């Protein structure tokens, strides 16, 4: 059993396409809050790409991030060209009307990532509660272990045009049973 868990932990993210080579980044301590590349970064750690552009920081106030509004205290992560990559919400929060999962008692870094396409369109929201997503009954995320073992199982993923791509059903729907993966074309 330990071997299986180790394989899943070591292969989990790369096998799902999450782990990709990233450009070199470095960490810097901000002695005071600062506006960096258009983001209000809070005092503390911020990461930068080798060219000096912002990679990630904790935002000081509610901030626009792609189609979302990142609540103060959330962590924003950018691509090297400054476009949105993902957001770690400080707490559960709405994104396009869907309640997305945020951080826990230790802060946003222990929570789920809300992913975006480089265009800023929502790509993936780990649902904080069972909810209707474009009329489809979608299941809430099951915490770390649930999301590790069922990558698409607990989140609502979207096509770049905004149409729901997939989610796990929270109840029977159109001939499919609760707990089954619902998918649809763009």
Foldseek 3Di string as FASTA:
>chain_A
DVVVVVCLVVPQCVVVVNDDDAADKDKDFACAFDQFPNFGAGGGIFMAGPVGHGAKGQGQAFDDAQQATAHHQKMWGAHNVRFGFKIAHQAFDDRVRFTAGHDDPVGSVQIDIFGDDSNSATFKGQGCAFDQDVNAGAGHQDHDVRCSVPVQERMFGADSVGHTAWGAGCADDPNDGHRDIDGDDD
